[in-house]
Amino acid sequence: MLGFAILLGFNLLGIWLQFSLHVPLPGNVIGLILFTLALFAKIIKLEWVETTANWLTGHMMLFFIPFVVGTMAFFPLIAANWLSIGFGVVGSSIAVLLVTGFVTSKLQQKTPKEGLE
């Protein structure tokens, strides 16, 4: 319960800051940035939120149901543009795979290999 209160508190703090300061970032993102900074600064201990975070991650599919159902309202628009949407999804997926592979290979070259003598 403590972990949920901490996560909710940072979320609400981010929303409040966005509303008060008119920052051009969503409040949820501001709260996540503040939470990450608090973790790095060791203000918040990972053990305090780990159980709650694992539970939320395990049930993440439930959080996406409203968005998936909401896209059905735009089905005619999606059907009319399915080819460009498909190319965008496939192209961006390939780009992510290539960039990830490139960065991983560069990082592995810099890391000393263990067990090779």
C-alpha atoms as a PDB file:
ATOM      1  CA  MET A   1       0.000   0.000   0.000  1.00  0.00           C
ATOM      2  CA  LEU A   2       2.934   2.329   0.667  1.00  0.00           C
ATOM      3  CA  GLY A   3       4.255   1.767  -2.854  1.00  0.00           C
ATOM      4  CA  PHE A   4       0.912   2.642  -4.404  1.00  0.00           C
ATOM      5  CA  ALA A   5       0.688   5.803  -2.292  1.00  0.00           C
ATOM      6  CA  ILE A   6       4.196   6.851  -3.377  1.00  0.00           C
ATOM      7  CA  LEU A   7       3.473   6.255  -7.078  1.00  0.00           C
ATOM      8  CA  LEU A   8       0.130   8.027  -6.853  1.00  0.00           C
ATOM      9  CA  GLY A   9       1.719  10.915  -4.944  1.00  0.00           C
ATOM     10  CA  PHE A  10       4.364  11.488  -7.614  1.00  0.00           C
ATOM     11  CA  ASN A  11       1.712  11.256 -10.330  1.00  0.00           C
ATOM     12  CA  LEU A  12      -0.479  13.836  -8.595  1.00  0.00           C
ATOM     13  CA  LEU A  13       2.544  16.059  -7.914  1.00  0.00           C
ATOM     14  CA  GLY A  14       3.422  16.004 -11.604  1.00  0.00           C
ATOM     15  CA  ILE A  15      -0.144  16.842 -12.610  1.00  0.00           C
ATOM     16  CA  TRP A  16      -0.263  19.683 -10.089  1.00  0.00           C
ATOM     17  CA  LEU A  17       3.074  21.096 -11.286  1.00  0.00           C
ATOM     18  CA  GLN A  18       1.954  20.945 -14.914  1.00  0.00           C
ATOM     19  CA  PHE A  19      -1.308  22.682 -14.060  1.00  0.00           C
ATOM     20  CA  SER A  20       0.332  25.313 -11.840  1.00  0.00           C
ATOM     21  CA  LEU A  21       3.407  26.124 -13.922  1.00  0.00           C
ATOM     22  CA  HIS A  22       1.854  25.511 -17.369  1.00  0.00           C
ATOM     23  CA  VAL A  23       4.727  23.241 -18.369  1.00  0.00           C
ATOM     24  CA  PRO A  24       4.307  21.888 -21.929  1.00  0.00           C
ATOM     25  CA  LEU A  25       4.742  18.281 -20.726  1.00  0.00           C
ATOM     26  CA  PRO A  26       1.950  16.006 -19.519  1.00  0.00           C
ATOM     27  CA  GLY A  27       1.676  15.882 -15.744  1.00  0.00           C
ATOM     28  CA  ASN A  28       2.137  12.113 -15.746  1.00  0.00           C
ATOM     29  CA  VAL A  29       5.507  12.494 -17.474  1.00  0.00           C
ATOM     30  CA  ILE A  30       6.597  15.186 -15.018  1.00  0.00           C
ATOM     31  CA  GLY A  31       5.628  12.916 -12.127  1.00  0.00           C
ATOM     32  CA  LEU A  32       7.578  10.023 -13.645  1.00  0.00           C
ATOM     33  CA  ILE A  33      10.652  12.226 -14.107  1.00  0.00           C
ATOM     34  CA  LEU A  34      10.416  13.407 -10.492  1.00  0.00           C
ATOM     35  CA  PHE A  35       9.979   9.811  -9.311  1.00  0.00           C
ATOM     36  CA  THR A  36      13.036   8.699 -11.299  1.00  0.00           C
ATOM     37  CA  LEU A  37      15.089  11.555  -9.858  1.00  0.00           C
ATOM     38  CA  ALA A  38      13.949  10.607  -6.340  1.00  0.00           C
ATOM     39  CA  LEU A  39      15.038   7.010  -6.975  1.00  0.00           C
ATOM     40  CA  PHE A  40      18.460   8.101  -8.237  1.00  0.00           C
ATOM     41  CA  ALA A  41      18.871  10.498  -5.310  1.00  0.00           C
ATOM     42  CA  LYS A  42      17.950   7.629  -2.956  1.00  0.00           C
ATOM     43  CA  ILE A  43      15.074   9.631  -1.475  1.00  0.00           C
ATOM     44  CA  ILE A  44      12.758   6.755  -2.405  1.00  0.00           C
ATOM     45  CA  LYS A  45      13.940   3.179  -1.963  1.00  0.00           C
ATOM     46  CA  LEU A  46      13.168   0.707  -4.723  1.00  0.00           C
ATOM     47  CA  GLU A  47      11.926  -1.830  -2.168  1.00  0.00           C
ATOM     48  CA  TRP A  48       9.124   0.545  -1.186  1.00  0.00           C
ATOM     49  CA  VAL A  49       7.543   0.512  -4.652  1.00  0.00           C
ATOM     50  CA  GLU A  50       8.813  -2.733  -6.186  1.00  0.00           C
ATOM     51  CA  THR A  51       5.851  -4.946  -5.243  1.00  0.00           C
ATOM     52  CA  THR A  52       3.296  -2.408  -6.447  1.00  0.00           C
ATOM     53  CA  ALA A  53       5.224  -1.748  -9.667  1.00  0.00           C
ATOM     54  CA  ASN A  54       5.437  -5.483 -10.415  1.00  0.00           C
ATOM     55  CA  TRP A  55       1.700  -5.862  -9.829  1.00  0.00           C
ATOM     56  CA  LEU A  56       0.866  -2.901 -12.082  1.00  0.00           C
ATOM     57  CA  THR A  57       3.206  -4.195 -14.794  1.00  0.00           C
ATOM     58  CA  GLY A  58       1.638  -7.651 -14.582  1.00  0.00           C
ATOM     59  CA  HIS A  59      -1.843  -6.210 -15.168  1.00  0.00           C
ATOM     60  CA  MET A  60      -0.840  -3.658 -17.798  1.00  0.00           C
ATOM     61  CA  MET A  61      -3.050  -5.179 -20.517  1.00  0.00           C
ATOM     62  CA  LEU A  62      -6.132  -4.154 -18.523  1.00  0.00           C
ATOM     63  CA  PHE A  63      -5.066  -0.512 -18.712  1.00  0.00           C
ATOM     64  CA  PHE A  64      -4.964  -0.586 -22.530  1.00  0.00           C
ATOM     65  CA  ILE A  65      -8.487  -1.988 -23.056  1.00  0.00           C
ATOM     66  CA  PRO A  66     -10.214   1.451 -23.084  1.00  0.00           C
ATOM     67  CA  PHE A  67      -7.759   2.775 -25.679  1.00  0.00           C
ATOM     68  CA  VAL A  68      -8.166  -0.245 -27.942  1.00  0.00           C
ATOM     69  CA  VAL A  69     -11.949  -0.043 -27.716  1.00  0.00           C
ATOM     70  CA  GLY A  70     -11.762   3.711 -28.374  1.00  0.00           C
ATOM     71  CA  THR A  71      -9.930   3.143 -31.656  1.00  0.00           C
ATOM     72  CA  MET A  72     -13.015   1.365 -32.993  1.00  0.00           C
ATOM     73  CA  ALA A  73     -14.680   4.780 -33.234  1.00  0.00           C
ATOM     74  CA  PHE A  74     -12.071   5.623 -35.877  1.00  0.00           C
ATOM     75  CA  PHE A  75     -12.388   2.340 -37.778  1.00  0.00           C
ATOM     76  CA  PRO A  76     -13.562   3.979 -41.060  1.00  0.00           C
ATOM     77  CA  LEU A  77     -10.565   6.328 -40.988  1.00  0.00           C
ATOM     78  CA  ILE A  78      -8.194   3.451 -40.201  1.00  0.00           C
ATOM     79  CA  ALA A  79      -9.726   1.325 -42.965  1.00  0.00           C
ATOM     80  CA  ALA A  80      -9.260   4.129 -45.483  1.00  0.00           C
ATOM     81  CA  ASN A  81      -5.590   4.581 -44.571  1.00  0.00           C
ATOM     82  CA  TRP A  82      -4.570   1.025 -43.669  1.00  0.00           C
ATOM     83  CA  LEU A  83      -1.719   0.877 -46.168  1.00  0.00           C
ATOM     84  CA  SER A  84       0.082   3.992 -44.918  1.00  0.00           C
ATOM     85  CA  ILE A  85      -0.534   2.961 -41.298  1.00  0.00           C
ATOM     86  CA  GLY A  86       0.885  -0.489 -42.040  1.00  0.00           C
ATOM     87  CA  PHE A  87       3.990   0.937 -43.707  1.00  0.00           C
ATOM     88  CA  GLY A  88       4.462   3.308 -40.778  1.00  0.00           C
ATOM     89  CA  VAL A  89       4.219   0.524 -38.216  1.00  0.00           C
ATOM     90  CA  VAL A  90       6.503  -1.858 -40.127  1.00  0.00           C
ATOM     91  CA  GLY A  91       8.995   0.873 -41.033  1.00  0.00           C
ATOM     92  CA  SER A  92       9.259   2.227 -37.501  1.00  0.00           C
ATOM     93  CA  SER A  93       9.619  -1.305 -36.110  1.00  0.00           C
ATOM     94  CA  ILE A  94      12.477  -2.025 -38.515  1.00  0.00           C
ATOM     95  CA  ALA A  95      14.111   1.301 -37.616  1.00  0.00           C
ATOM     96  CA  VAL A  96      13.914   0.499 -33.893  1.00  0.00           C
ATOM     97  CA  LEU A  97      15.406  -2.964 -34.477  1.00  0.00           C
ATOM     98  CA  LEU A  98      18.276  -1.557 -36.542  1.00  0.00           C
ATOM     99  CA  VAL A  99      19.107   1.226 -34.096  1.00  0.00           C
ATOM    100  CA  THR A 100      18.915  -1.155 -31.126  1.00  0.00           C
ATOM    101  CA  GLY A 101      21.185  -3.662 -32.861  1.00  0.00           C
ATOM    102  CA  PHE A 102      23.670  -0.951 -33.813  1.00  0.00           C
ATOM    103  CA  VAL A 103      23.827   0.517 -30.301  1.00  0.00           C
ATOM    104  CA  THR A 104      24.113  -2.945 -28.728  1.00  0.00           C
ATOM    105  CA  SER A 105      26.959  -3.954 -31.027  1.00  0.00           C
ATOM    106  CA  LYS A 106      28.831  -0.716 -30.277  1.00  0.00           C
ATOM    107  CA  LEU A 107      28.369  -1.189 -26.533  1.00  0.00           C
ATOM    108  CA  GLN A 108      29.539  -4.811 -26.707  1.00  0.00           C
ATOM    109  CA  GLN A 109      32.728  -3.744 -28.473  1.00  0.00           C
ATOM    110  CA  LYS A 110      33.562  -1.412 -25.586  1.00  0.00           C
ATOM    111  CA  THR A 111      32.856  -4.021 -22.888  1.00  0.00           C
ATOM    112  CA  PRO A 112      35.782  -6.323 -22.042  1.00  0.00           C
ATOM    113  CA  LYS A 113      35.034  -9.960 -22.793  1.00  0.00           C
ATOM    114  CA  GLU A 114      35.178 -12.267 -19.781  1.00  0.00           C
ATOM    115  CA  GLY A 115      36.536 -15.788 -20.027  1.00  0.00           C
ATOM    116  CA  LEU A 116      38.562 -15.194 -23.192  1.00  0.00           C
ATOM    117  CA  GLU A 117      42.263 -15.623 -22.610  1.00  0.00           C
END
